[in-house]
C-alpha atoms as a PDB file:
ATOM      1  CA  MET A   1      49.918 -63.369-113.945  1.00  0.00           C
ATOM      2  CA  ASN A   2      50.346 -67.561-112.974  1.00  0.00           C
ATOM      3  CA  GLY A   3      47.324 -69.574-112.488  1.00  0.00           C
ATOM      4  CA  VAL A   4      45.869 -71.253-115.313  1.00  0.00           C
ATOM      5  CA  GLU A   5      44.500 -73.963-113.528  1.00  0.00           C
ATOM      6  CA  ARG A   6      42.290 -70.970-111.768  1.00  0.00           C
ATOM      7  CA  MET A   7      39.224 -73.188-112.927  1.00  0.00           C
ATOM      8  CA  ARG A   8      35.341 -72.216-111.982  1.00  0.00           C
ATOM      9  CA  ARG A   9      33.980 -73.911-108.889  1.00  0.00           C
ATOM     10  CA  THR A  10      31.809 -76.874-109.526  1.00  0.00           C
ATOM     11  CA  ASP A  11      30.540 -76.733-105.825  1.00  0.00           C
ATOM     12  CA  ARG A  12      27.296 -75.485-106.148  1.00  0.00           C
ATOM     13  CA  ALA A  13      26.859 -76.072-102.473  1.00  0.00           C
ATOM     14  CA  ASP A  14      28.024 -73.237-101.230  1.00  0.00           C
ATOM     15  CA  ASP A  15      27.223 -71.026-103.921  1.00  0.00           C
ATOM     16  CA  GLY A  16      23.135 -71.668-103.764  1.00  0.00           C
ATOM     17  CA  ALA A  17      21.686 -71.194-106.974  1.00  0.00           C
ATOM     18  CA  ALA A  18      23.838 -72.630-110.695  1.00  0.00           C
ATOM     19  CA  ASP A  19      24.759 -69.544-112.658  1.00  0.00           C
ATOM     20  CA  GLY A  20      22.815 -71.293-115.177  1.00  0.00           C
ATOM     21  CA  PRO A  21      23.830 -72.236-118.464  1.00  0.00           C
ATOM     22  CA  GLY A  22      26.739 -70.775-120.182  1.00  0.00           C
ATOM     23  CA  PRO A  23      28.878 -70.058-123.922  1.00  0.00           C
ATOM     24  CA  ALA A  24      30.472 -73.538-122.605  1.00  0.00           C
ATOM     25  CA  GLY A  25      27.944 -75.724-124.138  1.00  0.00           C
ATOM     26  CA  GLY A  26      27.400 -72.963-126.873  1.00  0.00           C
ATOM     27  CA  ALA A  27      23.446 -72.346-126.381  1.00  0.00           C
ATOM     28  CA  GLY A  28      24.273 -69.917-123.575  1.00  0.00           C
ATOM     29  CA  GLY A  29      23.379 -66.688-124.036  1.00  0.00           C
ATOM     30  CA  VAL A  30      24.616 -62.825-123.327  1.00  0.00           C
ATOM     31  CA  GLY A  31      23.060 -63.281-119.724  1.00  0.00           C
ATOM     32  CA  ALA A  32      24.055 -66.086-118.630  1.00  0.00           C
ATOM     33  CA  ILE A  33      28.404 -64.717-118.484  1.00  0.00           C
ATOM     34  CA  ASP A  34      28.821 -63.528-115.028  1.00  0.00           C
ATOM     35  CA  GLY A  35      30.382 -59.889-115.191  1.00  0.00           C
ATOM     36  CA  VAL A  36      28.729 -58.972-118.628  1.00  0.00           C
ATOM     37  CA  GLY A  37      24.927 -57.022-118.373  1.00  0.00           C
ATOM     38  CA  ASP A  38      23.358 -57.185-115.311  1.00  0.00           C
ATOM     39  CA  THR A  39      26.027 -55.039-112.857  1.00  0.00           C
ATOM     40  CA  SER A  40      24.213 -56.713-109.778  1.00  0.00           C
ATOM     41  CA  ARG A  41      24.839 -59.696-110.898  1.00  0.00           C
ATOM     42  CA  ALA A  42      28.687 -58.583-112.159  1.00  0.00           C
ATOM     43  CA  LEU A  43      29.333 -58.010-109.027  1.00  0.00           C
ATOM     44  CA  GLY A  44      27.782 -61.238-107.286  1.00  0.00           C
ATOM     45  CA  GLY A  45      29.698 -62.866-109.974  1.00  0.00           C
ATOM     46  CA  PHE A  46      33.145 -61.271-109.398  1.00  0.00           C
ATOM     47  CA  LEU A  47      32.840 -61.791-105.921  1.00  0.00           C
ATOM     48  CA  ARG A  48      32.409 -65.939-106.408  1.00  0.00           C
ATOM     49  CA  ALA A  49      35.439 -65.769-108.676  1.00  0.00           C
ATOM     50  CA  ARG A  50      37.219 -63.562-106.058  1.00  0.00           C
ATOM     51  CA  ARG A  51      37.138 -65.422-102.857  1.00  0.00           C
ATOM     52  CA  GLY A  52      37.411 -69.301-104.572  1.00  0.00           C
ATOM     53  CA  ARG A  53      41.052 -67.174-106.057  1.00  0.00           C
ATOM     54  CA  VAL A  54      41.645 -67.205-102.082  1.00  0.00           C
ATOM     55  CA  ALA A  55      43.489 -70.682 -99.726  1.00  0.00           C
ATOM     56  CA  PRO A  56      42.006 -70.683 -96.577  1.00  0.00           C
ATOM     57  CA  GLU A  57      45.557 -70.799 -95.383  1.00  0.00           C
ATOM     58  CA  ASP A  58      46.634 -67.333 -96.685  1.00  0.00           C
ATOM     59  CA  VAL A  59      43.519 -66.032 -94.591  1.00  0.00           C
ATOM     60  CA  GLY A  60      44.327 -67.977 -91.091  1.00  0.00           C
ATOM     61  CA  LEU A  61      41.727 -70.423 -91.397  1.00  0.00           C
ATOM     62  CA  ALA A  62      41.841 -73.956 -91.775  1.00  0.00           C
ATOM     63  CA  GLY A  63      41.867 -75.617 -95.818  1.00  0.00           C
ATOM     64  CA  GLY A  64      42.704 -79.176 -95.476  1.00  0.00           C
ATOM     65  CA  ARG A  65      42.160 -81.880 -98.486  1.00  0.00           C
ATOM     66  CA  HIS A  66      38.628 -82.668 -97.930  1.00  0.00           C
ATOM     67  CA  ARG A  67      36.742 -79.000 -97.998  1.00  0.00           C
ATOM     68  CA  ARG A  68      33.783 -79.528-101.369  1.00  0.00           C
ATOM     69  CA  VAL A  69      34.986 -75.892-101.965  1.00  0.00           C
ATOM     70  CA  ARG A  70      37.631 -74.106-103.543  1.00  0.00           C
ATOM     71  CA  GLY A  71      38.831 -70.406-101.804  1.00  0.00           C
ATOM     72  CA  LEU A  72      36.629 -69.266 -99.181  1.00  0.00           C
ATOM     73  CA  ARG A  73      33.337 -70.071 -98.335  1.00  0.00           C
ATOM     74  CA  ARG A  74      31.064 -67.613 -98.319  1.00  0.00           C
ATOM     75  CA  GLU A  75      30.542 -67.318 -94.642  1.00  0.00           C
ATOM     76  CA  GLU A  76      34.271 -67.403 -94.034  1.00  0.00           C
ATOM     77  CA  LEU A  77      34.691 -63.684 -96.040  1.00  0.00           C
ATOM     78  CA  ALA A  78      31.561 -62.417 -94.262  1.00  0.00           C
ATOM     79  CA  GLN A  79      33.285 -63.339 -91.478  1.00  0.00           C
ATOM     80  CA  LEU A  80      37.483 -61.889 -92.359  1.00  0.00           C
ATOM     81  CA  ALA A  81      35.136 -58.681 -93.849  1.00  0.00           C
ATOM     82  CA  GLY A  82      33.622 -58.250 -90.282  1.00  0.00           C
ATOM     83  CA  ILE A  83      29.643 -58.430 -91.906  1.00  0.00           C
ATOM     84  CA  SER A  84      26.545 -60.471 -91.895  1.00  0.00           C
ATOM     85  CA  VAL A  85      26.529 -63.792 -93.726  1.00  0.00           C
ATOM     86  CA  ASP A  86      23.052 -62.914 -94.812  1.00  0.00           C
ATOM     87  CA  TYR A  87      24.360 -59.611 -96.374  1.00  0.00           C
ATOM     88  CA  TYR A  88      26.817 -60.974 -97.798  1.00  0.00           C
ATOM     89  CA  VAL A  89      24.638 -63.499 -99.482  1.00  0.00           C
ATOM     90  CA  ARG A  90      22.243 -61.563-100.632  1.00  0.00           C
ATOM     91  CA  LEU A  91      25.146 -59.166-102.288  1.00  0.00           C
ATOM     92  CA  GLU A  92      26.811 -62.287-104.065  1.00  0.00           C
ATOM     93  CA  GLN A  93      22.789 -62.753-105.339  1.00  0.00           C
ATOM     94  CA  GLY A  94      22.509 -59.362-106.467  1.00  0.00           C
ATOM     95  CA  ARG A  95      19.385 -59.190-103.869  1.00  0.00           C
ATOM     96  CA  ALA A  96      21.380 -56.156-102.271  1.00  0.00           C
ATOM     97  CA  THR A  97      22.773 -53.099-104.151  1.00  0.00           C
ATOM     98  CA  GLN A  98      24.776 -50.619-103.483  1.00  0.00           C
ATOM     99  CA  PRO A  99      27.219 -51.692-100.657  1.00  0.00           C
ATOM    100  CA  SER A 100      28.835 -48.929 -98.705  1.00  0.00           C
ATOM    101  CA  THR A 101      32.052 -48.218 -99.322  1.00  0.00           C
ATOM    102  CA  GLU A 102      33.441 -49.454 -95.852  1.00  0.00           C
ATOM    103  CA  VAL A 103      31.931 -52.645 -96.727  1.00  0.00           C
ATOM    104  CA  LEU A 104      33.537 -52.540-100.397  1.00  0.00           C
ATOM    105  CA  ASP A 105      36.880 -51.851 -98.739  1.00  0.00           C
ATOM    106  CA  ALA A 106      36.409 -54.684 -96.488  1.00  0.00           C
ATOM    107  CA  LEU A 107      35.285 -57.021 -98.583  1.00  0.00           C
ATOM    108  CA  ALA A 108      38.695 -55.491-100.907  1.00  0.00           C
ATOM    109  CA  ARG A 109      40.663 -56.755 -98.402  1.00  0.00           C
ATOM    110  CA  ALA A 110      39.312 -59.582 -97.195  1.00  0.00           C
ATOM    111  CA  LEU A 111      39.679 -60.977-100.922  1.00  0.00           C
ATOM    112  CA  GLY A 112      43.111 -59.090-101.177  1.00  0.00           C
ATOM    113  CA  LEU A 113      42.462 -57.392-103.806  1.00  0.00           C
ATOM    114  CA  ASP A 114      44.795 -54.321-106.024  1.00  0.00           C
ATOM    115  CA  THR A 115      44.177 -51.295-106.839  1.00  0.00           C
ATOM    116  CA  ALA A 116      42.490 -51.652-110.471  1.00  0.00           C
ATOM    117  CA  GLU A 117      40.572 -54.978-108.642  1.00  0.00           C
ATOM    118  CA  ARG A 118      39.801 -52.647-105.723  1.00  0.00           C
ATOM    119  CA  ARG A 119      38.455 -49.887-108.775  1.00  0.00           C
ATOM    120  CA  HIS A 120      36.782 -52.070-110.263  1.00  0.00           C
ATOM    121  CA  LEU A 121      34.598 -53.428-107.300  1.00  0.00           C
ATOM    122  CA  ALA A 122      33.291 -50.002-106.716  1.00  0.00           C
ATOM    123  CA  THR A 123      32.800 -50.154-110.443  1.00  0.00           C
ATOM    124  CA  LEU A 124      30.497 -53.021-110.670  1.00  0.00           C
ATOM    125  CA  ALA A 125      28.710 -51.765-107.010  1.00  0.00           C
ATOM    126  CA  GLY A 126      28.188 -48.111-109.149  1.00  0.00           C
ATOM    127  CA  ALA A 127      25.776 -49.422-110.765  1.00  0.00           C
ATOM    128  CA  ARG A 128      26.034 -47.328-113.958  1.00  0.00           C
ATOM    129  CA  GLY A 129      25.044 -48.217-117.254  1.00  0.00           C
ATOM    130  CA  GLY A 130      26.100 -46.954-120.315  1.00  0.00           C
ATOM    131  CA  THR A 131      27.758 -47.812-123.376  1.00  0.00           C
ATOM    132  CA  ALA A 132      31.446 -47.427-124.560  1.00  0.00           C
ATOM    133  CA  PRO A 133      32.374 -44.005-125.613  1.00  0.00           C
ATOM    134  CA  VAL A 134      33.848 -43.381-129.407  1.00  0.00           C
ATOM    135  CA  ALA A 135      37.500 -42.292-129.075  1.00  0.00           C
ATOM    136  CA  ARG A 136      38.680 -41.304-131.703  1.00  0.00           C
ATOM    137  CA  VAL A 137      42.359 -41.222-133.966  1.00  0.00           C
ATOM    138  CA  SER A 138      42.830 -38.076-134.260  1.00  0.00           C
ATOM    139  CA  PRO A 139      45.108 -36.460-136.866  1.00  0.00           C
ATOM    140  CA  GLN A 140      47.686 -35.671-134.110  1.00  0.00           C
ATOM    141  CA  LEU A 141      46.979 -39.077-132.778  1.00  0.00           C
ATOM    142  CA  ARG A 142      47.748 -40.486-136.735  1.00  0.00           C
ATOM    143  CA  ARG A 143      51.136 -38.175-136.871  1.00  0.00           C
ATOM    144  CA  LEU A 144      52.338 -39.216-133.474  1.00  0.00           C
ATOM    145  CA  LEU A 145      52.769 -42.689-134.809  1.00  0.00           C
ATOM    146  CA  ASP A 146      54.099 -42.232-137.923  1.00  0.00           C
ATOM    147  CA  ALA A 147      56.474 -40.162-136.221  1.00  0.00           C
ATOM    148  CA  ALA A 148      57.503 -42.954-133.852  1.00  0.00           C
ATOM    149  CA  ALA A 149      58.557 -44.508-136.420  1.00  0.00           C
ATOM    150  CA  HIS A 150      61.083 -46.689-134.694  1.00  0.00           C
ATOM    151  CA  PHE A 151      58.732 -47.731-131.838  1.00  0.00           C
ATOM    152  CA  PRO A 152      56.750 -50.145-132.153  1.00  0.00           C
ATOM    153  CA  ALA A 153      52.652 -48.923-131.233  1.00  0.00           C
ATOM    154  CA  PHE A 154      49.646 -49.110-131.776  1.00  0.00           C
ATOM    155  CA  ALA A 155      46.329 -48.361-130.496  1.00  0.00           C
ATOM    156  CA  THR A 156      43.432 -50.440-129.112  1.00  0.00           C
ATOM    157  CA  THR A 157      39.275 -49.411-127.674  1.00  0.00           C
ATOM    158  CA  PRO A 158      37.909 -50.532-124.738  1.00  0.00           C
ATOM    159  CA  HIS A 159      36.744 -52.990-126.822  1.00  0.00           C
ATOM    160  CA  LEU A 160      40.325 -54.252-127.272  1.00  0.00           C
ATOM    161  CA  ASP A 161      39.572 -52.966-131.094  1.00  0.00           C
ATOM    162  CA  VAL A 162      43.333 -51.732-132.866  1.00  0.00           C
ATOM    163  CA  VAL A 163      41.874 -48.550-134.485  1.00  0.00           C
ATOM    164  CA  ALA A 164      45.457 -47.162-135.488  1.00  0.00           C
ATOM    165  CA  TRP A 165      49.313 -48.376-136.263  1.00  0.00           C
ATOM    166  CA  ASN A 166      52.659 -48.121-136.983  1.00  0.00           C
ATOM    167  CA  ALA A 167      54.290 -49.665-139.518  1.00  0.00           C
ATOM    168  CA  LEU A 168      56.262 -51.315-136.990  1.00  0.00           C
ATOM    169  CA  GLY A 169      53.911 -51.794-134.986  1.00  0.00           C
ATOM    170  CA  ALA A 170      51.485 -53.361-137.774  1.00  0.00           C
ATOM    171  CA  GLU A 171      54.717 -55.733-138.524  1.00  0.00           C
ATOM    172  CA  LEU A 172      55.890 -57.346-135.304  1.00  0.00           C
ATOM    173  CA  MET A 173      51.771 -57.397-133.764  1.00  0.00           C
ATOM    174  CA  GLY A 174      50.920 -60.345-136.571  1.00  0.00           C
ATOM    175  CA  GLY A 175      50.307 -58.240-139.973  1.00  0.00           C
ATOM    176  CA  LEU A 176      47.217 -54.936-139.209  1.00  0.00           C
ATOM    177  CA  GLY A 177      46.444 -53.631-141.876  1.00  0.00           C
ATOM    178  CA  GLU A 178      47.235 -56.414-144.462  1.00  0.00           C
ATOM    179  CA  PRO A 179      44.043 -57.653-145.564  1.00  0.00           C
ATOM    180  CA  GLY A 180      43.100 -61.138-144.063  1.00  0.00           C
ATOM    181  CA  ARG A 181      46.607 -61.810-142.412  1.00  0.00           C
ATOM    182  CA  ARG A 182      44.898 -61.143-138.879  1.00  0.00           C
ATOM    183  CA  ASP A 183      42.159 -60.565-136.877  1.00  0.00           C
ATOM    184  CA  GLY A 184      41.379 -56.694-135.707  1.00  0.00           C
ATOM    185  CA  ASN A 185      40.227 -56.955-132.714  1.00  0.00           C
ATOM    186  CA  ASN A 186      43.462 -58.341-130.149  1.00  0.00           C
ATOM    187  CA  ALA A 187      41.267 -60.893-128.337  1.00  0.00           C
ATOM    188  CA  ARG A 188      39.324 -62.302-130.858  1.00  0.00           C
ATOM    189  CA  PHE A 189      42.782 -62.700-132.513  1.00  0.00           C
ATOM    190  CA  LEU A 190      44.191 -63.972-128.855  1.00  0.00           C
ATOM    191  CA  PHE A 191      41.616 -66.160-128.318  1.00  0.00           C
ATOM    192  CA  CYS A 192      40.400 -67.535-132.433  1.00  0.00           C
ATOM    193  CA  ASP A 193      43.435 -67.673-134.436  1.00  0.00           C
ATOM    194  CA  PRO A 194      46.642 -69.717-133.509  1.00  0.00           C
ATOM    195  CA  ALA A 195      49.023 -67.772-135.568  1.00  0.00           C
ATOM    196  CA  SER A 196      48.788 -65.605-131.855  1.00  0.00           C
ATOM    197  CA  ARG A 197      50.708 -68.039-130.409  1.00  0.00           C
ATOM    198  CA  ASP A 198      53.923 -67.527-132.805  1.00  0.00           C
ATOM    199  CA  VAL A 199      53.636 -63.716-132.134  1.00  0.00           C
ATOM    200  CA  HIS A 200      53.024 -64.162-127.929  1.00  0.00           C
ATOM    201  CA  PRO A 201      55.342 -66.864-126.407  1.00  0.00           C
ATOM    202  CA  GLU A 202      53.952 -65.906-123.930  1.00  0.00           C
ATOM    203  CA  TRP A 203      50.475 -66.319-124.998  1.00  0.00           C
ATOM    204  CA  GLU A 204      48.980 -66.884-121.149  1.00  0.00           C
ATOM    205  CA  ASP A 205      49.891 -63.464-119.888  1.00  0.00           C
ATOM    206  CA  ARG A 206      48.774 -62.166-122.947  1.00  0.00           C
ATOM    207  CA  ALA A 207      45.413 -63.492-122.984  1.00  0.00           C
ATOM    208  CA  ARG A 208      44.915 -62.765-119.204  1.00  0.00           C
ATOM    209  CA  GLU A 209      45.296 -58.815-119.979  1.00  0.00           C
ATOM    210  CA  ALA A 210      42.841 -59.121-122.637  1.00  0.00           C
ATOM    211  CA  VAL A 211      40.334 -61.359-120.861  1.00  0.00           C
ATOM    212  CA  GLY A 212      41.333 -58.732-117.480  1.00  0.00           C
ATOM    213  CA  GLN A 213      40.852 -55.450-119.852  1.00  0.00           C
ATOM    214  CA  LEU A 214      37.287 -56.887-121.580  1.00  0.00           C
ATOM    215  CA  ARG A 215      36.329 -57.250-117.338  1.00  0.00           C
ATOM    216  CA  VAL A 216      37.261 -54.155-116.606  1.00  0.00           C
ATOM    217  CA  SER A 217      34.945 -52.699-119.966  1.00  0.00           C
ATOM    218  CA  ALA A 218      32.158 -54.590-119.444  1.00  0.00           C
ATOM    219  CA  GLY A 219      31.841 -53.361-115.839  1.00  0.00           C
ATOM    220  CA  SER A 220      32.277 -50.039-117.068  1.00  0.00           C
ATOM    221  CA  TYR A 221      30.054 -49.703-119.710  1.00  0.00           C
ATOM    222  CA  PRO A 222      26.836 -52.752-118.692  1.00  0.00           C
ATOM    223  CA  ASP A 223      24.783 -51.515-121.491  1.00  0.00           C
ATOM    224  CA  ASP A 224      27.288 -51.846-124.782  1.00  0.00           C
ATOM    225  CA  ALA A 225      25.854 -53.626-126.572  1.00  0.00           C
ATOM    226  CA  GLU A 226      28.745 -54.574-128.815  1.00  0.00           C
ATOM    227  CA  LEU A 227      31.652 -55.546-126.288  1.00  0.00           C
ATOM    228  CA  ALA A 228      28.437 -57.559-124.816  1.00  0.00           C
ATOM    229  CA  ALA A 229      27.962 -59.255-128.537  1.00  0.00           C
ATOM    230  CA  LEU A 230      32.095 -59.997-128.402  1.00  0.00           C
ATOM    231  CA  ILE A 231      32.288 -61.605-125.123  1.00  0.00           C
ATOM    232  CA  ALA A 232      29.585 -63.759-125.673  1.00  0.00           C
ATOM    233  CA  GLU A 233      31.314 -64.754-129.358  1.00  0.00           C
ATOM    234  CA  LEU A 234      34.772 -65.633-126.970  1.00  0.00           C
ATOM    235  CA  SER A 235      33.312 -67.175-124.542  1.00  0.00           C
ATOM    236  CA  ALA A 236      31.536 -69.722-127.226  1.00  0.00           C
ATOM    237  CA  ARG A 237      34.715 -70.201-129.293  1.00  0.00           C
ATOM    238  CA  SER A 238      37.248 -70.662-127.193  1.00  0.00           C
ATOM    239  CA  ALA A 239      37.305 -73.426-123.949  1.00  0.00           C
ATOM    240  CA  ASP A 240      40.397 -71.035-122.780  1.00  0.00           C
ATOM    241  CA  PHE A 241      38.169 -67.172-122.846  1.00  0.00           C
ATOM    242  CA  ARG A 242      36.107 -69.551-120.703  1.00  0.00           C
ATOM    243  CA  ARG A 243      38.569 -70.357-118.365  1.00  0.00           C
ATOM    244  CA  ILE A 244      40.632 -67.733-117.831  1.00  0.00           C
ATOM    245  CA  TRP A 245      36.652 -65.000-117.125  1.00  0.00           C
ATOM    246  CA  ALA A 246      35.943 -67.959-114.753  1.00  0.00           C
ATOM    247  CA  THR A 247      38.473 -66.219-112.902  1.00  0.00           C
ATOM    248  CA  GLY A 248      37.747 -63.457-112.335  1.00  0.00           C
ATOM    249  CA  GLU A 249      40.176 -61.361-113.461  1.00  0.00           C
ATOM    250  CA  VAL A 250      40.777 -57.303-113.751  1.00  0.00           C
ATOM    251  CA  VAL A 251      43.614 -56.151-115.533  1.00  0.00           C
ATOM    252  CA  VAL A 252      44.178 -51.968-116.464  1.00  0.00           C
ATOM    253  CA  CYS A 253      47.207 -51.573-119.312  1.00  0.00           C
ATOM    254  CA  GLY A 254      50.061 -50.205-117.866  1.00  0.00           C
ATOM    255  CA  ALA A 255      54.141 -50.683-118.405  1.00  0.00           C
ATOM    256  CA  GLY A 256      56.373 -53.694-118.365  1.00  0.00           C
ATOM    257  CA  ARG A 257      58.029 -56.021-120.181  1.00  0.00           C
ATOM    258  CA  LYS A 258      56.605 -58.201-123.500  1.00  0.00           C
ATOM    259  CA  ARG A 259      58.034 -61.036-125.271  1.00  0.00           C
ATOM    260  CA  LEU A 260      57.096 -61.460-129.173  1.00  0.00           C
ATOM    261  CA  ARG A 261      57.874 -63.148-132.093  1.00  0.00           C
ATOM    262  CA  HIS A 262      58.737 -61.778-135.962  1.00  0.00           C
ATOM    263  CA  PRO A 263      59.778 -64.463-137.829  1.00  0.00           C
ATOM    264  CA  VAL A 264      62.678 -62.065-139.457  1.00  0.00           C
ATOM    265  CA  ALA A 265      63.505 -60.070-136.023  1.00  0.00           C
ATOM    266  CA  GLY A 266      63.366 -63.039-133.630  1.00  0.00           C
ATOM    267  CA  LEU A 267      62.326 -63.315-130.350  1.00  0.00           C
ATOM    268  CA  LEU A 268      62.523 -59.878-128.843  1.00  0.00           C
ATOM    269  CA  THR A 269      62.376 -58.997-125.458  1.00  0.00           C
ATOM    270  CA  LEU A 270      60.549 -55.529-125.380  1.00  0.00           C
ATOM    271  CA  ASP A 271      59.684 -52.525-122.309  1.00  0.00           C
ATOM    272  CA  CYS A 272      56.063 -51.760-123.302  1.00  0.00           C
ATOM    273  CA  GLU A 273      54.778 -48.102-122.071  1.00  0.00           C
ATOM    274  CA  THR A 274      50.785 -47.319-122.352  1.00  0.00           C
ATOM    275  CA  LEU A 275      49.356 -43.828-123.279  1.00  0.00           C
ATOM    276  CA  HIS A 276      45.533 -43.260-122.575  1.00  0.00           C
ATOM    277  CA  VAL A 277      44.206 -41.180-124.914  1.00  0.00           C
ATOM    278  CA  PRO A 278      40.400 -39.994-123.108  1.00  0.00           C
ATOM    279  CA  ALA A 279      37.556 -39.808-125.494  1.00  0.00           C
ATOM    280  CA  ALA A 280      35.911 -37.220-122.814  1.00  0.00           C
ATOM    281  CA  PRO A 281      36.829 -35.668-119.579  1.00  0.00           C
ATOM    282  CA  GLY A 282      36.793 -38.667-117.424  1.00  0.00           C
ATOM    283  CA  GLU A 283      35.906 -41.731-119.844  1.00  0.00           C
ATOM    284  CA  THR A 284      37.326 -44.044-121.179  1.00  0.00           C
ATOM    285  CA  GLY A 285      39.570 -43.773-124.690  1.00  0.00           C
ATOM    286  CA  LEU A 286      42.140 -45.153-126.416  1.00  0.00           C
ATOM    287  CA  VAL A 287      44.983 -46.886-125.049  1.00  0.00           C
ATOM    288  CA  VAL A 288      48.543 -46.377-127.169  1.00  0.00           C
ATOM    289  CA  HIS A 289      50.300 -49.340-126.569  1.00  0.00           C
ATOM    290  CA  VAL A 290      54.621 -48.011-127.410  1.00  0.00           C
ATOM    291  CA  PHE A 291      57.708 -51.231-127.279  1.00  0.00           C
ATOM    292  CA  SER A 292      60.978 -49.792-127.273  1.00  0.00           C
ATOM    293  CA  ALA A 293      64.836 -51.411-126.759  1.00  0.00           C
ATOM    294  CA  ALA A 294      67.125 -50.364-125.001  1.00  0.00           C
ATOM    295  CA  GLU A 295      70.184 -48.480-126.409  1.00  0.00           C
ATOM    296  CA  GLY A 296      72.698 -50.590-127.586  1.00  0.00           C
ATOM    297  CA  SER A 297      71.017 -53.609-126.695  1.00  0.00           C
ATOM    298  CA  PRO A 298      70.465 -56.920-129.670  1.00  0.00           C
ATOM    299  CA  GLU A 299      66.780 -56.008-129.737  1.00  0.00           C
ATOM    300  CA  ALA A 300      67.188 -52.256-130.384  1.00  0.00           C
ATOM    301  CA  ALA A 301      69.767 -53.206-133.271  1.00  0.00           C
ATOM    302  CA  ALA A 302      67.194 -55.926-134.268  1.00  0.00           C
ATOM    303  CA  LEU A 303      63.852 -53.539-134.299  1.00  0.00           C
ATOM    304  CA  ALA A 304      65.790 -51.535-136.527  1.00  0.00           C
ATOM    305  CA  GLY A 305      66.709 -53.802-139.123  1.00  0.00           C
ATOM    306  CA  LEU A 306      62.581 -54.181-139.241  1.00  0.00           C
ATOM    307  CA  ALA A 307      62.095 -50.869-139.298  1.00  0.00           C
ATOM    308  CA  GLY A 308      64.415 -50.965-142.208  1.00  0.00           C
ATOM    309  CA  LEU A 309      62.468 -54.083-144.086  1.00  0.00           C
ATOM    310  CA  VAL A 310      59.232 -52.339-143.282  1.00  0.00           C
ATOM    311  CA  ALA A 311      60.074 -49.141-145.353  1.00  0.00           C
ATOM    312  CA  ALA A 312      61.949 -50.914-147.888  1.00  0.00           C
ATOM    313  CA  PRO A 313      59.683 -51.346-151.263  1.00  0.00           C
ATOM    314  CA  PRO A 314      57.425 -54.104-152.043  1.00  0.00           C
ATOM    315  CA  GLN A 315      59.460 -55.682-154.396  1.00  0.00           C
ATOM    316  CA  ALA A 316      62.345 -55.382-151.327  1.00  0.00           C
ATOM    317  CA  ARG A 317      60.095 -57.293-148.963  1.00  0.00           C
ATOM    318  CA  ALA A 318      58.460 -59.534-151.668  1.00  0.00           C
ATOM    319  CA  ALA A 319      62.536 -61.419-151.854  1.00  0.00           C
ATOM    320  CA  ARG A 320      62.046 -61.182-147.473  1.00  0.00           C
ATOM    321  CA  PRO A 321      58.430 -62.939-147.823  1.00  0.00           C
ATOM    322  CA  VAL A 322      57.060 -62.497-143.547  1.00  0.00           C
ATOM    323  CA  ARG A 323      55.688 -65.930-142.678  1.00  0.00           C
ATOM    324  CA  TYR A 324      54.787 -67.436-139.535  1.00  0.00           C
ATOM    325  CA  SER A 325      55.855 -70.901-139.501  1.00  0.00           C
ATOM    326  CA  GLY A 326      53.594 -72.086-136.656  1.00  0.00           C
ATOM    327  CA  ALA A 327      57.056 -73.686-134.581  1.00  0.00           C
END
């Protein structure tokens, strides 16, 4: 994912009323964060952020250096989507609710949204309330994680709390399960612990994934006070979180390749697969992240060595301490 400098627009002439004070100043509340709580406000915030990411030249409109608006103006997006400017303004301001499927499809096409982003747009427009269901770690899941001893694995909730792992996954992800070594919430670890940048050489990509996943959860569960509090906390503590949140990033976990750094195993490029364990039919539950390496590769050998290290008795491990240098 690129676009490090996709910042929230400061030009309010096009947006109308300002969004209100946010956590950037340390005083903003949860209600001041686009995408959290109020679904009509969340829908408007998402549309506003996404039109700010579309270059006019990419959709056949005149751009230029002297435009006061980053991305598309409201009237330009309305024109591209084939809807009235007045209706679009009311939609973005939260004064029009539950737009039709045809309107959502037209907006998604005009904004160039991918499948995950389209689904998120539809979720916000549906205005369904509720909190994230409690996803319990079953004995079967724990048994599966432990049996995959040579494949680093861990499971997360919609809040990005890490609730289950195997020994290799715990070690590779910075010491899960060791009190005081790292936070048990992946988003808080990424944005509030400098050690996360040692674990994740591609920190910006992992940070965008975390923000995108939290945005999806916030849209799906707008009444979840615990989730809203987490987002408010991260917004207050991290300028990087505020910067990425303002872009309207949306991410649904999938397969890919990720780079991780371990002080003993070194820099590893691993395949990552995600398995979804629903809390109830049709509901988001746990996401199990499993890492692997091609047989015979240097990464496979490094994982095997690390698996032997974490399985060794404590006194043997003490001879090879695992600490992040911060380099």
